Amino acid sequence: VHYMIGCIGRKAPLVPYATFGSEELAVSIQRQIDSYDGVLLENHGVIAIGSTIEQAYSNAENIEFVAELYLKCLSSGFEPRILSDEEMDIVIEKFKTYGSKATSN
């Protein structure tokens, strides 16, 4: 499922808990979301952004799906392997041409 996360960045970072509506929470979200298209808010849920509302919604769905799958794996005794930032950089770079036809010279 790493490619689902690769659509939003290297990961979906966890923003530490702060009271809803607080400036502390807003600042924490702003710091994290600058580098990603979605974050998990500890004890709150997901915030996702995108160039369109449809893209933001898709990003939120992907984060929720991966989080659910991760939880199910943990509850069944399986520890998913988290890819390194370096490997995720390779995946993200490959997304730039994913699905396009190779050109020959």
N, C-alpha and C. Protein backbone atom coordinates (compact mmCIF):
# COMPACT_ATOMS: atom_id res chain seq x y z
N VAL A 1 0.81 -1.21 0.00
CA VAL A 1 0.00 0.00 0.00
C VAL A 1 0.85 1.26 0.00
N HIS A 2 2.16 1.12 -0.10
CA HIS A 2 3.02 2.30 -0.04
C HIS A 2 2.70 3.31 -1.13
N TYR A 3 2.24 2.83 -2.27
CA TYR A 3 1.92 3.77 -3.36
C TYR A 3 0.72 4.64 -3.01
N MET A 4 -0.17 4.16 -2.17
CA MET A 4 -1.32 4.98 -1.75
C MET A 4 -0.85 6.14 -0.87
N ILE A 5 0.16 5.88 -0.06
CA ILE A 5 0.73 6.95 0.75
C ILE A 5 1.61 7.84 -0.11
N GLY A 6 2.32 7.25 -1.08
CA GLY A 6 3.17 8.02 -1.97
C GLY A 6 2.44 9.12 -2.71
N CYS A 7 1.14 8.97 -2.86
CA CYS A 7 0.34 10.01 -3.52
C CYS A 7 0.29 11.29 -2.69
N ILE A 8 0.47 11.19 -1.40
CA ILE A 8 0.39 12.39 -0.55
C ILE A 8 1.75 12.84 -0.02
N GLY A 9 2.77 12.05 -0.24
CA GLY A 9 4.11 12.35 0.28
C GLY A 9 4.74 11.07 0.78
N ARG A 10 5.75 11.17 1.60
CA ARG A 10 6.45 9.98 2.11
C ARG A 10 5.64 9.22 3.14
N LYS A 11 4.75 9.92 3.82
CA LYS A 11 3.98 9.31 4.91
C LYS A 11 2.81 10.22 5.22
N ALA A 12 1.99 9.80 6.12
CA ALA A 12 0.94 10.65 6.68
C ALA A 12 1.36 10.93 8.11
N PRO A 13 2.00 12.07 8.36
CA PRO A 13 2.53 12.34 9.69
C PRO A 13 1.43 12.45 10.75
N LEU A 14 1.81 12.15 11.97
CA LEU A 14 0.90 12.29 13.10
C LEU A 14 1.11 13.65 13.74
N VAL A 15 0.05 14.43 13.81
CA VAL A 15 0.08 15.73 14.48
C VAL A 15 -0.32 15.48 15.94
N PRO A 16 0.52 15.90 16.89
CA PRO A 16 0.22 15.65 18.31
C PRO A 16 -1.12 16.25 18.73
N TYR A 17 -1.72 15.63 19.72
CA TYR A 17 -3.02 16.08 20.22
C TYR A 17 -2.94 17.50 20.76
N ALA A 18 -3.96 18.25 20.42
CA ALA A 18 -4.24 19.56 21.02
C ALA A 18 -5.75 19.72 20.94
N THR A 19 -6.31 20.54 21.78
CA THR A 19 -7.75 20.75 21.83
C THR A 19 -8.26 21.24 20.48
N PHE A 20 -9.40 20.69 20.05
CA PHE A 20 -9.96 21.11 18.76
C PHE A 20 -10.27 22.60 18.78
N GLY A 21 -10.03 23.24 17.64
CA GLY A 21 -10.28 24.66 17.52
C GLY A 21 -9.19 25.54 18.11
N SER A 22 -8.15 24.93 18.69
CA SER A 22 -7.11 25.73 19.35
C SER A 22 -6.06 26.20 18.35
N GLU A 23 -5.41 27.29 18.69
CA GLU A 23 -4.31 27.80 17.85
C GLU A 23 -3.17 26.79 17.83
N GLU A 24 -2.94 26.12 18.95
CA GLU A 24 -1.88 25.11 19.03
C GLU A 24 -2.09 24.02 17.98
N LEU A 25 -3.32 23.53 17.84
CA LEU A 25 -3.62 22.50 16.85
C LEU A 25 -3.44 23.05 15.44
N ALA A 26 -3.94 24.24 15.20
CA ALA A 26 -3.82 24.86 13.87
C ALA A 26 -2.36 25.02 13.46
N VAL A 27 -1.52 25.48 14.37
CA VAL A 27 -0.10 25.67 14.07
C VAL A 27 0.58 24.33 13.80
N SER A 28 0.26 23.31 14.59
CA SER A 28 0.83 21.97 14.39
C SER A 28 0.43 21.40 13.03
N ILE A 29 -0.82 21.58 12.66
CA ILE A 29 -1.29 21.11 11.35
C ILE A 29 -0.54 21.84 10.24
N GLN A 30 -0.45 23.14 10.36
CA GLN A 30 0.22 23.94 9.32
C GLN A 30 1.67 23.51 9.14
N ARG A 31 2.38 23.24 10.22
CA ARG A 31 3.78 22.81 10.14
C ARG A 31 3.91 21.50 9.37
N GLN A 32 3.02 20.56 9.61
CA GLN A 32 3.11 19.23 8.99
C GLN A 32 2.57 19.21 7.57
N ILE A 33 1.48 19.88 7.34
CA ILE A 33 0.80 19.76 6.04
C ILE A 33 1.54 20.52 4.95
N ASP A 34 2.48 21.40 5.33
CA ASP A 34 3.30 22.09 4.32
C ASP A 34 4.07 21.10 3.45
N SER A 35 4.44 19.96 4.00
CA SER A 35 5.24 18.97 3.28
C SER A 35 4.44 17.78 2.75
N TYR A 36 3.18 17.68 3.11
CA TYR A 36 2.36 16.52 2.76
C TYR A 36 0.98 16.99 2.32
N ASP A 37 0.23 16.09 1.72
CA ASP A 37 -1.15 16.41 1.33
C ASP A 37 -2.16 15.82 2.30
N GLY A 38 -1.69 15.32 3.43
CA GLY A 38 -2.59 14.80 4.44
C GLY A 38 -1.85 14.48 5.72
N VAL A 39 -2.55 14.60 6.83
CA VAL A 39 -1.98 14.29 8.14
C VAL A 39 -3.03 13.59 8.99
N LEU A 40 -2.55 12.83 9.97
CA LEU A 40 -3.41 12.23 10.99
C LEU A 40 -3.34 13.11 12.23
N LEU A 41 -4.48 13.44 12.77
CA LEU A 41 -4.53 14.24 13.99
C LEU A 41 -4.78 13.30 15.16
N GLU A 42 -3.82 13.26 16.09
CA GLU A 42 -3.95 12.37 17.24
C GLU A 42 -5.25 12.66 17.98
N ASN A 43 -6.07 11.63 18.16
CA ASN A 43 -7.37 11.68 18.85
C ASN A 43 -8.42 12.51 18.11
N HIS A 44 -8.20 12.83 16.84
CA HIS A 44 -9.18 13.59 16.06
C HIS A 44 -9.56 12.86 14.77
N GLY A 45 -8.61 12.66 13.87
CA GLY A 45 -8.91 12.06 12.58
C GLY A 45 -7.93 12.53 11.52
N VAL A 46 -8.43 12.71 10.31
CA VAL A 46 -7.60 13.03 9.15
C VAL A 46 -7.92 14.42 8.63
N ILE A 47 -6.89 15.11 8.17
CA ILE A 47 -7.06 16.32 7.36
C ILE A 47 -6.28 16.07 6.09
N ALA A 48 -6.91 16.33 4.95
CA ALA A 48 -6.25 16.15 3.67
C ALA A 48 -6.52 17.35 2.78
N ILE A 49 -5.57 17.64 1.91
CA ILE A 49 -5.71 18.73 0.96
C ILE A 49 -5.44 18.19 -0.44
N GLY A 50 -5.75 18.98 -1.44
CA GLY A 50 -5.48 18.62 -2.82
C GLY A 50 -5.75 19.81 -3.72
N SER A 51 -5.39 19.68 -4.98
CA SER A 51 -5.59 20.79 -5.91
C SER A 51 -7.07 20.98 -6.25
N THR A 52 -7.87 19.94 -5.99
CA THR A 52 -9.33 20.02 -6.15
C THR A 52 -9.97 19.37 -4.94
N ILE A 53 -11.25 19.62 -4.76
CA ILE A 53 -11.95 18.97 -3.64
C ILE A 53 -11.96 17.45 -3.83
N GLU A 54 -12.05 17.02 -5.08
CA GLU A 54 -12.04 15.58 -5.38
C GLU A 54 -10.70 14.95 -4.99
N GLN A 55 -9.60 15.66 -5.28
CA GLN A 55 -8.28 15.15 -4.92
C GLN A 55 -8.09 15.12 -3.41
N ALA A 56 -8.55 16.15 -2.72
CA ALA A 56 -8.46 16.18 -1.26
C ALA A 56 -9.25 15.01 -0.66
N TYR A 57 -10.44 14.76 -1.19
CA TYR A 57 -11.27 13.66 -0.71
C TYR A 57 -10.58 12.31 -0.96
N SER A 58 -10.01 12.15 -2.15
CA SER A 58 -9.29 10.93 -2.48
C SER A 58 -8.10 10.72 -1.54
N ASN A 59 -7.37 11.79 -1.26
CA ASN A 59 -6.25 11.70 -0.32
C ASN A 59 -6.73 11.26 1.06
N ALA A 60 -7.83 11.83 1.52
CA ALA A 60 -8.38 11.46 2.83
C ALA A 60 -8.80 9.99 2.83
N GLU A 61 -9.46 9.55 1.76
CA GLU A 61 -9.87 8.14 1.67
C GLU A 61 -8.66 7.21 1.72
N ASN A 62 -7.60 7.56 0.99
CA ASN A 62 -6.40 6.72 0.98
C ASN A 62 -5.77 6.63 2.36
N ILE A 63 -5.68 7.75 3.05
CA ILE A 63 -5.10 7.74 4.39
C ILE A 63 -5.95 6.89 5.32
N GLU A 64 -7.25 7.06 5.28
CA GLU A 64 -8.15 6.27 6.14
C GLU A 64 -8.03 4.78 5.84
N PHE A 65 -7.97 4.41 4.56
CA PHE A 65 -7.86 3.00 4.17
C PHE A 65 -6.56 2.41 4.69
N VAL A 66 -5.45 3.11 4.48
CA VAL A 66 -4.15 2.60 4.91
C VAL A 66 -4.09 2.50 6.43
N ALA A 67 -4.65 3.48 7.13
CA ALA A 67 -4.68 3.43 8.60
C ALA A 67 -5.49 2.22 9.09
N GLU A 68 -6.63 1.98 8.45
CA GLU A 68 -7.45 0.83 8.82
C GLU A 68 -6.71 -0.48 8.56
N LEU A 69 -6.06 -0.57 7.41
CA LEU A 69 -5.31 -1.78 7.07
C LEU A 69 -4.15 -1.99 8.05
N TYR A 70 -3.47 -0.92 8.40
CA TYR A 70 -2.36 -1.00 9.36
C TYR A 70 -2.86 -1.53 10.71
N LEU A 71 -3.98 -0.98 11.18
CA LEU A 71 -4.55 -1.42 12.45
C LEU A 71 -4.95 -2.90 12.39
N LYS A 72 -5.55 -3.32 11.29
CA LYS A 72 -5.94 -4.73 11.15
C LYS A 72 -4.72 -5.63 11.16
N CYS A 73 -3.64 -5.20 10.50
CA CYS A 73 -2.42 -6.00 10.51
C CYS A 73 -1.88 -6.14 11.93
N LEU A 74 -1.80 -5.02 12.64
CA LEU A 74 -1.30 -5.06 14.01
C LEU A 74 -2.16 -5.96 14.90
N SER A 75 -3.48 -5.86 14.73
CA SER A 75 -4.37 -6.66 15.58
C SER A 75 -4.29 -8.15 15.27
N SER A 76 -3.80 -8.50 14.09
CA SER A 76 -3.65 -9.92 13.75
C SER A 76 -2.24 -10.42 14.04
N GLY A 77 -1.40 -9.57 14.64
CA GLY A 77 -0.06 -9.98 15.01
C GLY A 77 0.99 -9.76 13.94
N PHE A 78 0.63 -9.11 12.86
CA PHE A 78 1.57 -8.84 11.77
C PHE A 78 2.07 -7.40 11.87
N GLU A 79 3.38 -7.23 11.85
CA GLU A 79 3.98 -5.89 11.92
C GLU A 79 4.35 -5.45 10.50
N PRO A 80 3.57 -4.54 9.92
CA PRO A 80 3.89 -4.08 8.56
C PRO A 80 5.26 -3.40 8.51
N ARG A 81 5.95 -3.58 7.40
CA ARG A 81 7.26 -2.95 7.22
C ARG A 81 7.05 -1.56 6.64
N ILE A 82 7.53 -0.56 7.34
CA ILE A 82 7.44 0.82 6.88
C ILE A 82 8.67 1.10 6.03
N LEU A 83 8.44 1.58 4.82
CA LEU A 83 9.56 1.87 3.92
C LEU A 83 10.30 3.13 4.36
N SER A 84 11.59 3.16 4.08
CA SER A 84 12.42 4.31 4.45
C SER A 84 12.04 5.52 3.59
N ASP A 85 12.43 6.70 4.05
CA ASP A 85 12.22 7.92 3.26
C ASP A 85 12.90 7.80 1.90
N GLU A 86 14.07 7.18 1.88
CA GLU A 86 14.80 7.04 0.62
C GLU A 86 14.02 6.18 -0.37
N GLU A 87 13.45 5.08 0.10
CA GLU A 87 12.66 4.22 -0.79
C GLU A 87 11.39 4.95 -1.23
N MET A 88 10.77 5.67 -0.33
CA MET A 88 9.57 6.43 -0.70
C MET A 88 9.91 7.51 -1.72
N ASP A 89 11.11 8.10 -1.64
CA ASP A 89 11.52 9.08 -2.66
C ASP A 89 11.58 8.43 -4.04
N ILE A 90 12.07 7.19 -4.09
CA ILE A 90 12.12 6.46 -5.36
C ILE A 90 10.70 6.23 -5.88
N VAL A 91 9.80 5.80 -5.01
CA VAL A 91 8.41 5.56 -5.39
C VAL A 91 7.77 6.84 -5.91
N ILE A 92 7.95 7.93 -5.18
CA ILE A 92 7.35 9.21 -5.57
C ILE A 92 7.90 9.67 -6.92
N GLU A 93 9.18 9.49 -7.15
CA GLU A 93 9.79 9.86 -8.44
C GLU A 93 9.19 9.03 -9.57
N LYS A 94 8.98 7.74 -9.32
CA LYS A 94 8.41 6.87 -10.35
C LYS A 94 6.96 7.24 -10.67
N PHE A 95 6.26 7.82 -9.71
CA PHE A 95 4.89 8.27 -9.97
C PHE A 95 4.83 9.34 -11.06
N LYS A 96 5.90 10.09 -11.22
CA LYS A 96 5.91 11.18 -12.19
C LYS A 96 5.70 10.68 -13.62
N THR A 97 6.12 9.44 -13.89
CA THR A 97 5.94 8.88 -15.24
C THR A 97 5.11 7.62 -15.24
N TYR A 98 4.54 7.27 -14.11
CA TYR A 98 3.77 6.04 -13.99
C TYR A 98 2.57 6.08 -14.95
N GLY A 99 2.44 5.04 -15.74
CA GLY A 99 1.32 4.93 -16.66
C GLY A 99 1.55 5.58 -18.02
N SER A 100 2.67 6.29 -18.16
CA SER A 100 2.93 6.88 -19.46
C SER A 100 3.73 5.91 -20.32
N LYS A 101 3.55 6.02 -21.63
CA LYS A 101 4.26 5.13 -22.54
C LYS A 101 5.73 5.49 -22.59
N ALA A 102 6.56 4.47 -22.63
CA ALA A 102 7.99 4.70 -22.77
C ALA A 102 8.26 5.16 -24.20
N THR A 103 9.16 6.11 -24.33
CA THR A 103 9.51 6.58 -25.67
C THR A 103 10.84 5.99 -26.06
N SER A 104 10.97 5.66 -27.33
CA SER A 104 12.22 5.11 -27.81
C SER A 104 12.89 6.13 -28.71
N ASN A 105 14.21 6.15 -28.71
CA ASN A 105 14.95 7.11 -29.53
C ASN A 105 15.55 6.43 -30.73
